[in-house]
């Protein structure tokens, strides 16, 4: 009986040293991190793509913050807990290029981020974590409703323009900055999503694409020659009101004997002090003020983006009349 009892005690001891010990083994990786960093000091990120997962393809705490052995196991001679190997908070953040390089280990494979290096944001030392928040379920940079306010934090001039009467429906939430811009790098100007301003505009305004039989050169060169895409006080987001806008390139009708100042029959200049009225029931004329009212040049030249009129006679199609 004594031998049987001794063997039973030995078996219990062996189980304690093997199975029980394995059950109480220290967790590794992100599982060890969350033993300290729980919901009390970290926001909920359970639905985030960066949340802890058993899938080996999903990054965990160590993927971004490094092994951080000294942080995980405080050395005996350390007075305070050492920080992780890589920090992203503003007070202890790494340089922008180093911080972004950590993100690029996973995200550089996406074609939308292939031109990040050398882009305007990269050159301005804007790091990924300057805009993106990792420890959250809802990244404001990815949501159309909050993305614009994030961009406004730096682009204050565009905030003012988008609050002007004529603007794209960005403040209304129907568009966001990323509809036109690729913030991670682009071959186009101003980080436009396409290779040119026009190609970006044509993705929505296809009716202006052409080609037309009679092209309007500024239109085919750059839409921004006439339009301010973020907003303007002039209808259709024009940079200035016609005819002042048109006359930045076109000589007024006066040059060819056309118009009031040029002496065109039936068109009269504004009255001078003491001058009798030139317009009456029999004059068949019209006051020059009419040329400066409404849409001005576009009262007649309606096809300012280009004309497909094949006619070679009146109305002369290259004048964009119809």
C-alpha atoms as a PDB file:
ATOM      1  CA  UNK A   1       0.000   0.000   0.000  1.00  0.00           C
ATOM      2  CA  UNK A   2       2.890   2.344   0.790  1.00  0.00           C
ATOM      3  CA  UNK A   3       4.423   1.709  -2.661  1.00  0.00           C
ATOM      4  CA  UNK A   4       1.082   2.393  -4.358  1.00  0.00           C
ATOM      5  CA  UNK A   5       0.628   5.669  -2.466  1.00  0.00           C
ATOM      6  CA  UNK A   6       4.204   6.700  -3.278  1.00  0.00           C
ATOM      7  CA  UNK A   7       3.675   6.052  -7.001  1.00  0.00           C
ATOM      8  CA  UNK A   8       0.419   8.049  -6.995  1.00  0.00           C
ATOM      9  CA  UNK A   9       2.203  10.991  -5.380  1.00  0.00           C
ATOM     10  CA  UNK A  10       4.966  10.760  -7.975  1.00  0.00           C
ATOM     11  CA  UNK A  11       2.410  10.780 -10.829  1.00  0.00           C
ATOM     12  CA  UNK A  12       0.734  13.875  -9.426  1.00  0.00           C
ATOM     13  CA  UNK A  13       4.095  15.609  -9.185  1.00  0.00           C
ATOM     14  CA  UNK A  14       4.947  14.795 -12.778  1.00  0.00           C
ATOM     15  CA  UNK A  15       1.591  16.135 -13.985  1.00  0.00           C
ATOM     16  CA  UNK A  16       2.170  19.339 -12.055  1.00  0.00           C
ATOM     17  CA  UNK A  17       5.543  19.783 -13.719  1.00  0.00           C
ATOM     18  CA  UNK A  18       4.286  19.119 -17.265  1.00  0.00           C
ATOM     19  CA  UNK A  19       0.609  19.656 -18.069  1.00  0.00           C
ATOM     20  CA  UNK A  20      -0.162  22.210 -15.390  1.00  0.00           C
ATOM     21  CA  UNK A  21       2.979  24.130 -16.108  1.00  0.00           C
ATOM     22  CA  UNK A  22       2.177  24.215 -19.789  1.00  0.00           C
ATOM     23  CA  UNK A  23      -1.304  25.499 -19.038  1.00  0.00           C
ATOM     24  CA  UNK A  24       0.196  28.392 -17.088  1.00  0.00           C
ATOM     25  CA  UNK A  25       2.931  29.158 -19.635  1.00  0.00           C
ATOM     26  CA  UNK A  26       3.547  32.845 -20.290  1.00  0.00           C
ATOM     27  CA  UNK A  27       1.728  34.120 -23.442  1.00  0.00           C
ATOM     28  CA  UNK A  28       3.813  35.432 -26.320  1.00  0.00           C
ATOM     29  CA  UNK A  29       3.494  38.161 -28.943  1.00  0.00           C
ATOM     30  CA  UNK A  30       0.452  40.404 -28.864  1.00  0.00           C
ATOM     31  CA  UNK A  31      -1.212  38.074 -26.367  1.00  0.00           C
ATOM     32  CA  UNK A  32       1.424  39.103 -23.833  1.00  0.00           C
ATOM     33  CA  UNK A  33       0.957  42.806 -24.621  1.00  0.00           C
ATOM     34  CA  UNK A  34      -2.738  42.731 -23.826  1.00  0.00           C
ATOM     35  CA  UNK A  35      -2.068  41.268 -20.385  1.00  0.00           C
ATOM     36  CA  UNK A  36      -1.127  44.835 -19.436  1.00  0.00           C
ATOM     37  CA  UNK A  37      -2.564  47.010 -22.214  1.00  0.00           C
ATOM     38  CA  UNK A  38      -6.239  46.210 -21.902  1.00  0.00           C
ATOM     39  CA  UNK A  39      -9.372  48.227 -22.579  1.00  0.00           C
ATOM     40  CA  UNK A  40      -8.555  50.556 -19.696  1.00  0.00           C
ATOM     41  CA  UNK A  41      -5.678  52.253 -21.539  1.00  0.00           C
ATOM     42  CA  UNK A  42      -6.425  51.420 -25.175  1.00  0.00           C
ATOM     43  CA  UNK A  43      -9.560  52.299 -27.151  1.00  0.00           C
ATOM     44  CA  UNK A  44     -11.646  49.563 -28.680  1.00  0.00           C
ATOM     45  CA  UNK A  45     -10.040  48.295 -31.893  1.00  0.00           C
ATOM     46  CA  UNK A  46     -11.616  44.859 -31.983  1.00  0.00           C
ATOM     47  CA  UNK A  47     -13.066  45.430 -35.459  1.00  0.00           C
ATOM     48  CA  UNK A  48      -9.928  47.037 -36.843  1.00  0.00           C
ATOM     49  CA  UNK A  49      -7.766  45.318 -39.445  1.00  0.00           C
ATOM     50  CA  UNK A  50      -4.879  45.709 -36.978  1.00  0.00           C
ATOM     51  CA  UNK A  51      -6.646  43.964 -34.096  1.00  0.00           C
ATOM     52  CA  UNK A  52      -5.004  40.902 -32.569  1.00  0.00           C
ATOM     53  CA  UNK A  53      -5.844  37.808 -34.568  1.00  0.00           C
ATOM     54  CA  UNK A  54      -4.786  34.202 -34.886  1.00  0.00           C
ATOM     55  CA  UNK A  55      -4.269  34.761 -38.609  1.00  0.00           C
ATOM     56  CA  UNK A  56      -0.502  35.026 -39.148  1.00  0.00           C
ATOM     57  CA  UNK A  57      -1.019  37.497 -41.992  1.00  0.00           C
ATOM     58  CA  UNK A  58      -2.533  40.093 -39.662  1.00  0.00           C
ATOM     59  CA  UNK A  59       0.022  42.430 -38.044  1.00  0.00           C
ATOM     60  CA  UNK A  60       0.167  42.488 -34.282  1.00  0.00           C
ATOM     61  CA  UNK A  61       1.716  44.771 -31.665  1.00  0.00           C
ATOM     62  CA  UNK A  62       5.236  43.510 -32.349  1.00  0.00           C
ATOM     63  CA  UNK A  63       4.870  44.062 -36.103  1.00  0.00           C
ATOM     64  CA  UNK A  64       4.653  47.798 -35.516  1.00  0.00           C
ATOM     65  CA  UNK A  65       6.266  48.457 -32.127  1.00  0.00           C
ATOM     66  CA  UNK A  66       9.078  45.931 -32.395  1.00  0.00           C
ATOM     67  CA  UNK A  67      10.006  43.058 -30.002  1.00  0.00           C
ATOM     68  CA  UNK A  68      10.435  45.574 -27.130  1.00  0.00           C
ATOM     69  CA  UNK A  69      11.960  42.981 -24.817  1.00  0.00           C
ATOM     70  CA  UNK A  70      13.041  45.535 -22.217  1.00  0.00           C
ATOM     71  CA  UNK A  71       9.557  47.038 -22.211  1.00  0.00           C
ATOM     72  CA  UNK A  72       7.903  43.647 -21.785  1.00  0.00           C
ATOM     73  CA  UNK A  73      10.282  42.508 -19.013  1.00  0.00           C
ATOM     74  CA  UNK A  74      11.510  45.459 -16.996  1.00  0.00           C
ATOM     75  CA  UNK A  75      15.222  45.066 -16.101  1.00  0.00           C
ATOM     76  CA  UNK A  76      15.950  44.876 -12.410  1.00  0.00           C
ATOM     77  CA  UNK A  77      18.206  47.939 -12.483  1.00  0.00           C
ATOM     78  CA  UNK A  78      15.671  50.091 -14.410  1.00  0.00           C
ATOM     79  CA  UNK A  79      13.919  52.782 -12.383  1.00  0.00           C
ATOM     80  CA  UNK A  80      11.081  53.198 -14.879  1.00  0.00           C
ATOM     81  CA  UNK A  81       9.494  50.962 -17.462  1.00  0.00           C
ATOM     82  CA  UNK A  82      11.450  51.266 -20.743  1.00  0.00           C
ATOM     83  CA  UNK A  83       9.496  52.394 -23.759  1.00  0.00           C
ATOM     84  CA  UNK A  84       8.764  50.090 -26.722  1.00  0.00           C
ATOM     85  CA  UNK A  85      11.368  49.920 -29.475  1.00  0.00           C
ATOM     86  CA  UNK A  86       9.237  51.999 -31.842  1.00  0.00           C
ATOM     87  CA  UNK A  87       6.922  54.781 -30.705  1.00  0.00           C
ATOM     88  CA  UNK A  88       4.390  56.721 -32.801  1.00  0.00           C
ATOM     89  CA  UNK A  89       2.909  59.168 -30.294  1.00  0.00           C
ATOM     90  CA  UNK A  90       3.698  62.851 -30.841  1.00  0.00           C
ATOM     91  CA  UNK A  91       5.892  63.232 -27.760  1.00  0.00           C
ATOM     92  CA  UNK A  92       8.127  60.242 -28.528  1.00  0.00           C
ATOM     93  CA  UNK A  93       7.504  59.721 -32.208  1.00  0.00           C
ATOM     94  CA  UNK A  94      10.165  58.536 -34.593  1.00  0.00           C
ATOM     95  CA  UNK A  95      11.145  60.689 -37.594  1.00  0.00           C
ATOM     96  CA  UNK A  96       8.392  60.754 -40.222  1.00  0.00           C
ATOM     97  CA  UNK A  97      10.279  58.649 -42.776  1.00  0.00           C
ATOM     98  CA  UNK A  98      11.028  55.950 -40.197  1.00  0.00           C
ATOM     99  CA  UNK A  99       7.468  55.916 -38.926  1.00  0.00           C
ATOM    100  CA  UNK A 100       6.040  55.595 -42.447  1.00  0.00           C
ATOM    101  CA  UNK A 101       8.573  52.882 -43.302  1.00  0.00           C
ATOM    102  CA  UNK A 102       7.003  50.672 -40.626  1.00  0.00           C
ATOM    103  CA  UNK A 103       3.605  50.991 -42.299  1.00  0.00           C
ATOM    104  CA  UNK A 104       5.100  50.423 -45.727  1.00  0.00           C
ATOM    105  CA  UNK A 105       6.329  46.981 -44.796  1.00  0.00           C
ATOM    106  CA  UNK A 106       2.730  45.887 -45.396  1.00  0.00           C
ATOM    107  CA  UNK A 107       1.136  48.692 -47.394  1.00  0.00           C
ATOM    108  CA  UNK A 108       3.711  49.382 -50.095  1.00  0.00           C
ATOM    109  CA  UNK A 109       2.334  46.506 -52.187  1.00  0.00           C
ATOM    110  CA  UNK A 110      -0.815  48.516 -52.963  1.00  0.00           C
ATOM    111  CA  UNK A 111      -0.590  50.335 -56.314  1.00  0.00           C
ATOM    112  CA  UNK A 112      -2.293  53.388 -54.794  1.00  0.00           C
ATOM    113  CA  UNK A 113       0.723  53.855 -52.497  1.00  0.00           C
ATOM    114  CA  UNK A 114       3.452  53.022 -54.991  1.00  0.00           C
ATOM    115  CA  UNK A 115       4.325  56.706 -55.496  1.00  0.00           C
ATOM    116  CA  UNK A 116       4.484  57.656 -51.821  1.00  0.00           C
ATOM    117  CA  UNK A 117       8.259  58.139 -51.766  1.00  0.00           C
ATOM    118  CA  UNK A 118       9.022  61.592 -53.107  1.00  0.00           C
ATOM    119  CA  UNK A 119       5.392  62.729 -53.081  1.00  0.00           C
ATOM    120  CA  UNK A 120       4.391  66.112 -51.639  1.00  0.00           C
ATOM    121  CA  UNK A 121       3.251  64.697 -48.307  1.00  0.00           C
ATOM    122  CA  UNK A 122       6.333  62.503 -47.991  1.00  0.00           C
ATOM    123  CA  UNK A 123       8.622  65.431 -48.815  1.00  0.00           C
ATOM    124  CA  UNK A 124       6.839  67.582 -46.232  1.00  0.00           C
ATOM    125  CA  UNK A 125       7.578  65.014 -43.473  1.00  0.00           C
ATOM    126  CA  UNK A 126       3.950  63.974 -43.125  1.00  0.00           C
ATOM    127  CA  UNK A 127       3.915  60.502 -41.603  1.00  0.00           C
ATOM    128  CA  UNK A 128       1.179  57.914 -41.974  1.00  0.00           C
ATOM    129  CA  UNK A 129       0.170  58.348 -38.351  1.00  0.00           C
ATOM    130  CA  UNK A 130      -0.175  62.112 -38.891  1.00  0.00           C
ATOM    131  CA  UNK A 131      -3.489  61.329 -40.584  1.00  0.00           C
ATOM    132  CA  UNK A 132      -4.347  57.731 -39.707  1.00  0.00           C
ATOM    133  CA  UNK A 133      -5.298  56.402 -36.282  1.00  0.00           C
ATOM    134  CA  UNK A 134      -4.464  52.739 -35.719  1.00  0.00           C
ATOM    135  CA  UNK A 135      -5.914  51.939 -32.291  1.00  0.00           C
ATOM    136  CA  UNK A 136      -9.519  52.570 -33.294  1.00  0.00           C
ATOM    137  CA  UNK A 137     -12.328  50.877 -35.137  1.00  0.00           C
ATOM    138  CA  UNK A 138     -13.141  53.992 -37.157  1.00  0.00           C
ATOM    139  CA  UNK A 139     -10.247  55.771 -38.835  1.00  0.00           C
ATOM    140  CA  UNK A 140     -11.433  59.293 -39.660  1.00  0.00           C
ATOM    141  CA  UNK A 141      -9.120  59.423 -42.691  1.00  0.00           C
ATOM    142  CA  UNK A 142     -11.078  56.587 -44.292  1.00  0.00           C
ATOM    143  CA  UNK A 143     -14.591  57.931 -43.662  1.00  0.00           C
ATOM    144  CA  UNK A 144     -15.989  60.409 -46.192  1.00  0.00           C
ATOM    145  CA  UNK A 145     -17.898  62.267 -43.485  1.00  0.00           C
ATOM    146  CA  UNK A 146     -14.779  63.056 -41.426  1.00  0.00           C
ATOM    147  CA  UNK A 147     -12.009  62.940 -44.030  1.00  0.00           C
ATOM    148  CA  UNK A 148     -12.458  66.525 -45.225  1.00  0.00           C
ATOM    149  CA  UNK A 149     -12.149  68.004 -41.739  1.00  0.00           C
ATOM    150  CA  UNK A 150      -8.903  66.072 -41.345  1.00  0.00           C
ATOM    151  CA  UNK A 151      -7.486  67.612 -44.536  1.00  0.00           C
ATOM    152  CA  UNK A 152      -8.643  71.064 -43.430  1.00  0.00           C
ATOM    153  CA  UNK A 153      -6.268  70.852 -40.464  1.00  0.00           C
ATOM    154  CA  UNK A 154      -3.423  71.712 -42.863  1.00  0.00           C
ATOM    155  CA  UNK A 155      -5.176  72.959 -46.004  1.00  0.00           C
ATOM    156  CA  UNK A 156      -6.937  76.004 -44.581  1.00  0.00           C
ATOM    157  CA  UNK A 157      -7.004  77.890 -47.885  1.00  0.00           C
ATOM    158  CA  UNK A 158      -9.071  75.104 -49.413  1.00  0.00           C
ATOM    159  CA  UNK A 159     -11.448  75.236 -46.441  1.00  0.00           C
ATOM    160  CA  UNK A 160     -12.159  78.884 -47.227  1.00  0.00           C
ATOM    161  CA  UNK A 161     -12.614  78.185 -50.946  1.00  0.00           C
ATOM    162  CA  UNK A 162     -15.024  75.316 -50.346  1.00  0.00           C
ATOM    163  CA  UNK A 163     -17.183  77.606 -48.225  1.00  0.00           C
ATOM    164  CA  UNK A 164     -17.710  79.997 -51.133  1.00  0.00           C
ATOM    165  CA  UNK A 165     -21.104  80.028 -52.898  1.00  0.00           C
ATOM    166  CA  UNK A 166     -19.998  78.019 -55.945  1.00  0.00           C
ATOM    167  CA  UNK A 167     -18.171  74.835 -54.956  1.00  0.00           C
ATOM    168  CA  UNK A 168     -18.049  71.096 -55.395  1.00  0.00           C
ATOM    169  CA  UNK A 169     -20.423  69.351 -52.943  1.00  0.00           C
ATOM    170  CA  UNK A 170     -17.666  68.544 -50.465  1.00  0.00           C
ATOM    171  CA  UNK A 171     -19.133  70.406 -47.446  1.00  0.00           C
ATOM    172  CA  UNK A 172     -22.447  68.634 -48.119  1.00  0.00           C
ATOM    173  CA  UNK A 173     -20.735  65.247 -47.783  1.00  0.00           C
ATOM    174  CA  UNK A 174     -21.426  64.131 -51.357  1.00  0.00           C
ATOM    175  CA  UNK A 175     -17.726  64.261 -52.253  1.00  0.00           C
ATOM    176  CA  UNK A 176     -14.473  63.981 -50.347  1.00  0.00           C
ATOM    177  CA  UNK A 177     -10.927  65.141 -51.014  1.00  0.00           C
ATOM    178  CA  UNK A 178      -9.876  61.639 -52.040  1.00  0.00           C
ATOM    179  CA  UNK A 179     -12.376  61.664 -54.929  1.00  0.00           C
ATOM    180  CA  UNK A 180      -9.963  63.941 -56.794  1.00  0.00           C
ATOM    181  CA  UNK A 181      -6.655  63.549 -54.934  1.00  0.00           C
ATOM    182  CA  UNK A 182      -4.468  60.552 -54.152  1.00  0.00           C
ATOM    183  CA  UNK A 183      -2.829  61.670 -50.932  1.00  0.00           C
ATOM    184  CA  UNK A 184      -0.315  58.815 -51.071  1.00  0.00           C
ATOM    185  CA  UNK A 185       1.325  60.034 -54.276  1.00  0.00           C
ATOM    186  CA  UNK A 186       0.432  60.706 -57.881  1.00  0.00           C
ATOM    187  CA  UNK A 187       1.948  61.473 -61.271  1.00  0.00           C
ATOM    188  CA  UNK A 188      -0.525  64.322 -61.688  1.00  0.00           C
ATOM    189  CA  UNK A 189      -0.234  67.893 -60.369  1.00  0.00           C
ATOM    190  CA  UNK A 190      -1.370  68.641 -56.819  1.00  0.00           C
ATOM    191  CA  UNK A 191      -1.653  64.892 -56.123  1.00  0.00           C
ATOM    192  CA  UNK A 192      -4.503  64.584 -58.643  1.00  0.00           C
ATOM    193  CA  UNK A 193      -5.677  60.992 -58.995  1.00  0.00           C
ATOM    194  CA  UNK A 194      -5.126  61.015 -62.763  1.00  0.00           C
ATOM    195  CA  UNK A 195      -2.016  62.041 -64.667  1.00  0.00           C
ATOM    196  CA  UNK A 196      -3.377  65.523 -65.356  1.00  0.00           C
ATOM    197  CA  UNK A 197      -5.935  67.956 -64.000  1.00  0.00           C
ATOM    198  CA  UNK A 198      -8.131  67.483 -67.063  1.00  0.00           C
ATOM    199  CA  UNK A 199      -8.112  63.694 -66.847  1.00  0.00           C
ATOM    200  CA  UNK A 200      -9.188  63.966 -63.201  1.00  0.00           C
ATOM    201  CA  UNK A 201     -12.034  66.353 -64.068  1.00  0.00           C
ATOM    202  CA  UNK A 202     -13.160  64.177 -66.991  1.00  0.00           C
ATOM    203  CA  UNK A 203     -13.798  61.258 -64.642  1.00  0.00           C
ATOM    204  CA  UNK A 204     -17.020  63.114 -63.736  1.00  0.00           C
ATOM    205  CA  UNK A 205     -17.396  65.750 -66.453  1.00  0.00           C
ATOM    206  CA  UNK A 206     -17.159  63.410 -69.428  1.00  0.00           C
ATOM    207  CA  UNK A 207     -19.233  65.693 -71.671  1.00  0.00           C
ATOM    208  CA  UNK A 208     -16.351  68.195 -71.651  1.00  0.00           C
ATOM    209  CA  UNK A 209     -13.784  65.630 -72.755  1.00  0.00           C
ATOM    210  CA  UNK A 210     -14.094  65.992 -76.544  1.00  0.00           C
ATOM    211  CA  UNK A 211     -12.305  65.846 -78.860  1.00  0.00           C
ATOM    212  CA  UNK A 212     -14.278  68.594 -80.571  1.00  0.00           C
ATOM    213  CA  UNK A 213     -14.133  69.705 -84.189  1.00  0.00           C
ATOM    214  CA  UNK A 214     -13.285  73.171 -82.912  1.00  0.00           C
ATOM    215  CA  UNK A 215     -11.319  72.983 -79.682  1.00  0.00           C
ATOM    216  CA  UNK A 216     -11.034  75.778 -77.152  1.00  0.00           C
ATOM    217  CA  UNK A 217      -7.320  75.662 -76.375  1.00  0.00           C
ATOM    218  CA  UNK A 218      -7.462  76.566 -72.653  1.00  0.00           C
ATOM    219  CA  UNK A 219     -10.016  73.794 -72.122  1.00  0.00           C
ATOM    220  CA  UNK A 220      -7.831  71.129 -73.705  1.00  0.00           C
ATOM    221  CA  UNK A 221      -4.768  72.385 -71.816  1.00  0.00           C
ATOM    222  CA  UNK A 222      -6.006  72.787 -68.244  1.00  0.00           C
ATOM    223  CA  UNK A 223      -9.491  73.161 -66.750  1.00  0.00           C
ATOM    224  CA  UNK A 224      -7.915  75.211 -63.949  1.00  0.00           C
ATOM    225  CA  UNK A 225      -7.142  77.968 -66.462  1.00  0.00           C
ATOM    226  CA  UNK A 226     -10.702  79.178 -65.946  1.00  0.00           C
ATOM    227  CA  UNK A 227     -12.057  77.218 -62.976  1.00  0.00           C
ATOM    228  CA  UNK A 228     -11.069  77.039 -59.335  1.00  0.00           C
ATOM    229  CA  UNK A 229     -11.982  73.442 -58.454  1.00  0.00           C
ATOM    230  CA  UNK A 230     -12.313  74.134 -54.727  1.00  0.00           C
ATOM    231  CA  UNK A 231     -14.740  77.005 -54.980  1.00  0.00           C
ATOM    232  CA  UNK A 232     -15.369  80.551 -56.123  1.00  0.00           C
ATOM    233  CA  UNK A 233     -17.738  83.455 -55.656  1.00  0.00           C
ATOM    234  CA  UNK A 234     -18.540  83.250 -59.386  1.00  0.00           C
ATOM    235  CA  UNK A 235     -21.007  80.822 -60.932  1.00  0.00           C
ATOM    236  CA  UNK A 236     -19.554  77.535 -62.241  1.00  0.00           C
ATOM    237  CA  UNK A 237     -16.482  78.040 -60.042  1.00  0.00           C
ATOM    238  CA  UNK A 238     -14.959  80.457 -62.555  1.00  0.00           C
ATOM    239  CA  UNK A 239     -11.874  82.341 -61.386  1.00  0.00           C
ATOM    240  CA  UNK A 240     -13.403  85.695 -62.342  1.00  0.00           C
ATOM    241  CA  UNK A 241     -16.535  86.995 -64.014  1.00  0.00           C
ATOM    242  CA  UNK A 242     -16.928  87.264 -67.781  1.00  0.00           C
ATOM    243  CA  UNK A 243     -16.019  89.270 -69.736  1.00  0.00           C
ATOM    244  CA  UNK A 244     -12.997  89.963 -67.514  1.00  0.00           C
ATOM    245  CA  UNK A 245     -12.144  86.260 -67.483  1.00  0.00           C
ATOM    246  CA  UNK A 246     -12.389  85.941 -71.264  1.00  0.00           C
ATOM    247  CA  UNK A 247     -10.445  89.129 -71.894  1.00  0.00           C
ATOM    248  CA  UNK A 248      -7.413  87.784 -70.068  1.00  0.00           C
ATOM    249  CA  UNK A 249      -6.766  85.976 -73.358  1.00  0.00           C
ATOM    250  CA  UNK A 250      -9.122  87.514 -75.923  1.00  0.00           C
ATOM    251  CA  UNK A 251      -8.951  91.064 -77.208  1.00  0.00           C
ATOM    252  CA  UNK A 252     -12.305  92.839 -76.745  1.00  0.00           C
ATOM    253  CA  UNK A 253     -14.499  93.358 -79.810  1.00  0.00           C
ATOM    254  CA  UNK A 254     -13.398  97.006 -79.995  1.00  0.00           C
ATOM    255  CA  UNK A 255     -10.272  96.064 -81.962  1.00  0.00           C
ATOM    256  CA  UNK A 256     -12.113  95.141 -85.150  1.00  0.00           C
ATOM    257  CA  UNK A 257     -14.514  98.066 -85.275  1.00  0.00           C
ATOM    258  CA  UNK A 258     -17.010  95.923 -83.384  1.00  0.00           C
ATOM    259  CA  UNK A 259     -18.745  97.092 -80.234  1.00  0.00           C
ATOM    260  CA  UNK A 260     -19.593 100.440 -78.764  1.00  0.00           C
ATOM    261  CA  UNK A 261     -16.082 101.845 -78.460  1.00  0.00           C
ATOM    262  CA  UNK A 262     -15.217 100.546 -81.915  1.00  0.00           C
ATOM    263  CA  UNK A 263     -18.083 102.453 -83.489  1.00  0.00           C
ATOM    264  CA  UNK A 264     -20.249  99.512 -84.533  1.00  0.00           C
ATOM    265  CA  UNK A 265     -23.488 100.860 -86.040  1.00  0.00           C
ATOM    266  CA  UNK A 266     -26.439 100.678 -83.686  1.00  0.00           C
ATOM    267  CA  UNK A 267     -24.290 100.220 -80.552  1.00  0.00           C
ATOM    268  CA  UNK A 268     -23.825 103.270 -78.414  1.00  0.00           C
ATOM    269  CA  UNK A 269     -21.515 104.205 -75.591  1.00  0.00           C
ATOM    270  CA  UNK A 270     -22.827 105.199 -72.169  1.00  0.00           C
ATOM    271  CA  UNK A 271     -24.045 108.770 -72.097  1.00  0.00           C
ATOM    272  CA  UNK A 272     -21.637 111.474 -71.075  1.00  0.00           C
ATOM    273  CA  UNK A 273     -22.769 114.348 -68.831  1.00  0.00           C
ATOM    274  CA  UNK A 274     -25.018 116.648 -70.798  1.00  0.00           C
ATOM    275  CA  UNK A 275     -25.209 114.335 -73.827  1.00  0.00           C
ATOM    276  CA  UNK A 276     -28.711 113.678 -75.263  1.00  0.00           C
ATOM    277  CA  UNK A 277     -30.022 110.120 -75.323  1.00  0.00           C
ATOM    278  CA  UNK A 278     -28.815 108.177 -78.333  1.00  0.00           C
ATOM    279  CA  UNK A 279     -31.236 105.289 -77.958  1.00  0.00           C
ATOM    280  CA  UNK A 280     -34.809 105.798 -78.927  1.00  0.00           C
ATOM    281  CA  UNK A 281     -37.724 104.172 -80.704  1.00  0.00           C
ATOM    282  CA  UNK A 282     -36.114 104.681 -84.097  1.00  0.00           C
ATOM    283  CA  UNK A 283     -32.463 104.123 -83.283  1.00  0.00           C
ATOM    284  CA  UNK A 284     -32.604 100.297 -83.492  1.00  0.00           C
ATOM    285  CA  UNK A 285     -29.585 100.309 -81.267  1.00  0.00           C
ATOM    286  CA  UNK A 286     -28.775  98.835 -77.914  1.00  0.00           C
ATOM    287  CA  UNK A 287     -26.836 100.224 -75.030  1.00  0.00           C
ATOM    288  CA  UNK A 288     -23.322  98.913 -74.471  1.00  0.00           C
ATOM    289  CA  UNK A 289     -24.332  98.070 -70.897  1.00  0.00           C
ATOM    290  CA  UNK A 290     -26.188  95.063 -72.317  1.00  0.00           C
ATOM    291  CA  UNK A 291     -22.840  93.541 -73.283  1.00  0.00           C
ATOM    292  CA  UNK A 292     -21.743  93.585 -69.625  1.00  0.00           C
ATOM    293  CA  UNK A 293     -24.845  92.095 -68.091  1.00  0.00           C
ATOM    294  CA  UNK A 294     -25.635  88.459 -67.306  1.00  0.00           C
ATOM    295  CA  UNK A 295     -23.115  86.014 -68.737  1.00  0.00           C
ATOM    296  CA  UNK A 296     -21.594  88.583 -71.080  1.00  0.00           C
ATOM    297  CA  UNK A 297     -19.486  86.802 -73.733  1.00  0.00           C
ATOM    298  CA  UNK A 298     -21.353  83.564 -73.120  1.00  0.00           C
ATOM    299  CA  UNK A 299     -24.639  85.132 -74.165  1.00  0.00           C
ATOM    300  CA  UNK A 300     -23.438  84.439 -77.699  1.00  0.00           C
ATOM    301  CA  UNK A 301     -20.420  82.153 -77.359  1.00  0.00           C
ATOM    302  CA  UNK A 302     -22.278  79.352 -75.643  1.00  0.00           C
ATOM    303  CA  UNK A 303     -20.003  76.422 -76.527  1.00  0.00           C
ATOM    304  CA  UNK A 304     -16.938  77.568 -74.616  1.00  0.00           C
ATOM    305  CA  UNK A 305     -15.675  74.010 -74.092  1.00  0.00           C
ATOM    306  CA  UNK A 306     -15.652  73.258 -77.835  1.00  0.00           C
ATOM    307  CA  UNK A 307     -17.976  73.015 -80.800  1.00  0.00           C
ATOM    308  CA  UNK A 308     -18.833  70.192 -83.203  1.00  0.00           C
ATOM    309  CA  UNK A 309     -20.664  72.438 -85.665  1.00  0.00           C
ATOM    310  CA  UNK A 310     -19.461  71.365 -89.156  1.00  0.00           C
ATOM    311  CA  UNK A 311     -20.666  74.550 -90.838  1.00  0.00           C
ATOM    312  CA  UNK A 312     -18.141  76.766 -92.607  1.00  0.00           C
ATOM    313  CA  UNK A 313     -20.470  79.743 -92.810  1.00  0.00           C
ATOM    314  CA  UNK A 314     -22.680  81.726 -90.484  1.00  0.00           C
ATOM    315  CA  UNK A 315     -22.624  81.124 -87.590  1.00  0.00           C
ATOM    316  CA  UNK A 316     -18.886  80.638 -87.844  1.00  0.00           C
ATOM    317  CA  UNK A 317     -18.318  77.484 -85.747  1.00  0.00           C
ATOM    318  CA  UNK A 318     -14.784  78.235 -84.633  1.00  0.00           C
ATOM    319  CA  UNK A 319     -16.228  81.166 -82.667  1.00  0.00           C
ATOM    320  CA  UNK A 320     -18.015  78.625 -80.421  1.00  0.00           C
ATOM    321  CA  UNK A 321     -21.377  80.191 -81.127  1.00  0.00           C
ATOM    322  CA  UNK A 322     -23.296  76.908 -81.124  1.00  0.00           C
END
